[in-house]
Every structure is written in C-alpha cells, then in structure tokens.
C-alpha atoms as a PDB file:
ATOM      1  CA  MET A   1       0.035  -0.079   0.065  1.00  0.00           C
ATOM      2  CA  VAL A   2       2.911   2.361   0.683  1.00  0.00           C
ATOM      3  CA  ARG A   3       5.921   2.352  -1.743  1.00  0.00           C
ATOM      4  CA  GLY A   4       9.068   1.719   0.108  1.00  0.00           C
ATOM      5  CA  SER A   5       7.737  -0.213   3.010  1.00  0.00           C
ATOM      6  CA  TYR A   6       7.873  -3.764   4.251  1.00  0.00           C
ATOM      7  CA  ILE A   7       5.775  -5.862   6.638  1.00  0.00           C
ATOM      8  CA  SER A   8       7.447  -6.123   9.935  1.00  0.00           C
ATOM      9  CA  LEU A   9       7.112  -6.348  13.812  1.00  0.00           C
ATOM     10  CA  GLN A  10       4.460  -8.606  15.041  1.00  0.00           C
ATOM     11  CA  SER A  11       3.051  -9.128  11.595  1.00  0.00           C
ATOM     12  CA  ALA A  12       6.141 -10.555  10.293  1.00  0.00           C
ATOM     13  CA  LEU A  13       6.802 -12.786  13.284  1.00  0.00           C
ATOM     14  CA  ALA A  14       3.455 -14.182  12.992  1.00  0.00           C
ATOM     15  CA  HIS A  15       3.905 -14.955   9.398  1.00  0.00           C
ATOM     16  CA  TYR A  16       6.959 -16.993  10.250  1.00  0.00           C
ATOM     17  CA  GLY A  17       5.114 -18.720  13.006  1.00  0.00           C
ATOM     18  CA  LEU A  18       7.315 -17.222  15.791  1.00  0.00           C
ATOM     19  CA  ILE A  19       4.498 -15.982  17.914  1.00  0.00           C
ATOM     20  CA  PRO A  20       1.410 -17.856  18.751  1.00  0.00           C
ATOM     21  CA  GLU A  21      -1.110 -15.279  18.143  1.00  0.00           C
ATOM     22  CA  GLY A  22      -2.368 -13.859  14.892  1.00  0.00           C
ATOM     23  CA  THR A  23      -2.207 -10.086  14.345  1.00  0.00           C
ATOM     24  CA  PRO A  24      -5.434  -8.164  13.586  1.00  0.00           C
ATOM     25  CA  VAL A  25      -3.335  -5.313  11.863  1.00  0.00           C
ATOM     26  CA  VAL A  26      -0.719  -5.802   9.313  1.00  0.00           C
ATOM     27  CA  THR A  27       2.108  -3.514  10.503  1.00  0.00           C
ATOM     28  CA  SER A  28       4.790  -2.277   8.004  1.00  0.00           C
ATOM     29  CA  VAL A  29       7.657  -0.010   8.400  1.00  0.00           C
ATOM     30  CA  THR A  30       8.608   2.832   5.937  1.00  0.00           C
ATOM     31  CA  THR A  31      11.144   5.731   5.854  1.00  0.00           C
ATOM     32  CA  THR A  32       8.206   8.083   4.785  1.00  0.00           C
ATOM     33  CA  ARG A  33       5.226   9.385   6.682  1.00  0.00           C
ATOM     34  CA  PRO A  34       3.614   7.039   9.043  1.00  0.00           C
ATOM     35  CA  GLY A  35      -0.194   6.361   8.839  1.00  0.00           C
ATOM     36  CA  ALA A  36      -3.017   3.891   9.180  1.00  0.00           C
ATOM     37  CA  TRP A  37      -5.715   2.645   6.753  1.00  0.00           C
ATOM     38  CA  LYS A  38      -8.854   0.426   7.227  1.00  0.00           C
ATOM     39  CA  THR A  39      -9.877  -1.228   4.020  1.00  0.00           C
ATOM     40  CA  PRO A  40     -12.045  -4.139   3.141  1.00  0.00           C
ATOM     41  CA  LEU A  41      -8.954  -6.253   2.799  1.00  0.00           C
ATOM     42  CA  GLY A  42      -7.931  -5.456   6.626  1.00  0.00           C
ATOM     43  CA  ASP A  43      -6.257  -2.824   8.748  1.00  0.00           C
ATOM     44  CA  PHE A  44      -2.815  -1.603   7.911  1.00  0.00           C
ATOM     45  CA  ASP A  45      -0.417   0.535  10.133  1.00  0.00           C
ATOM     46  CA  PHE A  46       2.743   2.024   8.786  1.00  0.00           C
ATOM     47  CA  ARG A  47       5.566   2.895  11.393  1.00  0.00           C
ATOM     48  CA  ARG A  48       8.482   5.224  10.424  1.00  0.00           C
ATOM     49  CA  ILE A  49      12.118   4.202  10.928  1.00  0.00           C
ATOM     50  CA  LYS A  50      15.403   5.838   9.970  1.00  0.00           C
ATOM     51  CA  VAL A  51      16.639   5.373   6.490  1.00  0.00           C
ATOM     52  CA  GLU A  52      19.832   3.689   7.631  1.00  0.00           C
ATOM     53  CA  LEU A  53      17.463   0.882   9.427  1.00  0.00           C
ATOM     54  CA  PHE A  54      15.583   0.222   6.257  1.00  0.00           C
ATOM     55  CA  PHE A  55      17.119  -3.300   5.326  1.00  0.00           C
ATOM     56  CA  GLY A  56      16.718  -6.878   6.220  1.00  0.00           C
ATOM     57  CA  TYR A  57      13.572  -7.882   4.091  1.00  0.00           C
ATOM     58  CA  GLN A  58      12.748 -10.062   1.159  1.00  0.00           C
ATOM     59  CA  LEU A  59      10.237 -10.667  -1.367  1.00  0.00           C
ATOM     60  CA  VAL A  60       7.984 -13.582  -0.126  1.00  0.00           C
ATOM     61  CA  ASP A  61       5.136 -15.402  -1.765  1.00  0.00           C
ATOM     62  CA  VAL A  62       2.011 -14.884   0.161  1.00  0.00           C
ATOM     63  CA  ALA A  63      -0.642 -16.126  -2.240  1.00  0.00           C
ATOM     64  CA  PRO A  64      -0.663 -17.477  -5.741  1.00  0.00           C
ATOM     65  CA  GLY A  65       0.756 -14.736  -7.975  1.00  0.00           C
ATOM     66  CA  GLN A  66       1.073 -12.248  -5.194  1.00  0.00           C
ATOM     67  CA  GLY A  67       4.399 -11.289  -3.294  1.00  0.00           C
ATOM     68  CA  ALA A  68       4.958  -9.089  -0.543  1.00  0.00           C
ATOM     69  CA  PHE A  69       8.204  -7.545   1.126  1.00  0.00           C
ATOM     70  CA  ILE A  70       8.477  -9.049   4.636  1.00  0.00           C
ATOM     71  CA  ALA A  71      11.114  -8.487   7.177  1.00  0.00           C
ATOM     72  CA  THR A  72      13.492 -11.452   8.113  1.00  0.00           C
ATOM     73  CA  PRO A  73      12.691 -12.809  11.515  1.00  0.00           C
ATOM     74  CA  LYS A  74      15.867 -11.198  12.969  1.00  0.00           C
ATOM     75  CA  LYS A  75      14.966  -7.770  11.309  1.00  0.00           C
ATOM     76  CA  ALA A  76      11.281  -7.867  12.512  1.00  0.00           C
ATOM     77  CA  LEU A  77      12.588  -8.478  16.055  1.00  0.00           C
ATOM     78  CA  LEU A  78      15.139  -5.572  15.622  1.00  0.00           C
ATOM     79  CA  ASP A  79      12.300  -3.241  14.373  1.00  0.00           C
ATOM     80  CA  LEU A  80       9.972  -4.312  17.175  1.00  0.00           C
ATOM     81  CA  ILE A  81      12.764  -3.277  19.822  1.00  0.00           C
ATOM     82  CA  TYR A  82      13.725  -0.122  18.004  1.00  0.00           C
ATOM     83  CA  LEU A  83      10.062   1.118  17.739  1.00  0.00           C
ATOM     84  CA  GLN A  84       9.328   0.650  21.398  1.00  0.00           C
ATOM     85  CA  PRO A  85       9.459   3.888  23.566  1.00  0.00           C
ATOM     86  CA  GLY A  86      13.087   4.364  24.168  1.00  0.00           C
ATOM     87  CA  GLY A  87      14.155   1.835  21.553  1.00  0.00           C
ATOM     88  CA  ASP A  88      15.900   4.202  19.471  1.00  0.00           C
ATOM     89  CA  ASP A  89      18.444   4.847  22.302  1.00  0.00           C
ATOM     90  CA  ILE A  90      19.976   1.438  21.170  1.00  0.00           C
ATOM     91  CA  ASP A  91      23.601   2.837  21.521  1.00  0.00           C
ATOM     92  CA  THR A  92      23.326   3.756  25.053  1.00  0.00           C
ATOM     93  CA  ASN A  93      24.709   1.449  27.735  1.00  0.00           C
ATOM     94  CA  PRO A  94      22.904   1.680  31.100  1.00  0.00           C
ATOM     95  CA  HIS A  95      25.100  -1.178  32.440  1.00  0.00           C
ATOM     96  CA  PRO A  96      28.709   0.181  32.235  1.00  0.00           C
ATOM     97  CA  ARG A  97      30.239  -3.256  33.247  1.00  0.00           C
ATOM     98  CA  ARG A  98      28.440  -5.048  30.384  1.00  0.00           C
ATOM     99  CA  PRO A  99      29.284  -4.335  26.901  1.00  0.00           C
ATOM    100  CA  VAL A 100      27.103  -2.675  24.403  1.00  0.00           C
ATOM    101  CA  ILE A 101      26.085  -5.247  21.675  1.00  0.00           C
ATOM    102  CA  ARG A 102      26.418  -3.505  18.186  1.00  0.00           C
ATOM    103  CA  MET A 103      25.174  -5.010  15.220  1.00  0.00           C
ATOM    104  CA  PRO A 104      27.876  -5.605  12.569  1.00  0.00           C
ATOM    105  CA  GLY A 105      27.512  -3.500   9.331  1.00  0.00           C
ATOM    106  CA  GLY A 106      26.731  -6.759   7.263  1.00  0.00           C
ATOM    107  CA  TRP A 107      24.055  -8.006   9.498  1.00  0.00           C
ATOM    108  CA  ARG A 108      20.919  -8.713   7.687  1.00  0.00           C
END
C-alpha cells in the first residue's frame, strides 16, 4: 500500500510462526510518513524508521501470483525493539560493566 515499505514487527513474526497469536493489523515500516488505513482487505499500520535501518527484508510469496516484502525474522525483532518507547536509544549502555552489543555492518 505504501511504496518503500515492508511488513515487519508482530505481523512478520506471526507470518514465520514465531508468535502464537495472529495479528489483527498488518504492520509495516517505512522511511516516509507513518499512517493507518482501514480497508475491506484489512487494517494496515505504517510505522516510520530511520533510512539507515531500512534493510533486512525479502520478497515472499503470500498467495498464488502475489508477493510482499516481509522482514526477516531477525529484522522484525530488531524493528520491534527499535520502535518501542526508548528503543531508538539502542547505542546507550545503562550497565557500564556490560558491553554494548553492536550490530555488525553486514548484519541482515
């Protein structure tokens, strides 16, 4: 529905069978304006992320002749953490005795 977006968060995790419940809203991420739409096909929510975090998705067949860009399981989890309140503070270390876990540049 929105160019430059991919399905992520709980919607992607449910697609891969990694959470037990279904999701009533299909949640995607985009680098453009966030928004929400209710359509006859379902409810869609678009959350905004930084351009440098827009990676880690693939084209997946979701129905015969129909594909969608969906985050990989690892990226869906990363997006979920990032989009939680305070999640964009990912580089801070509240525990000085514990090392900060940094994602290597090639992590996808």
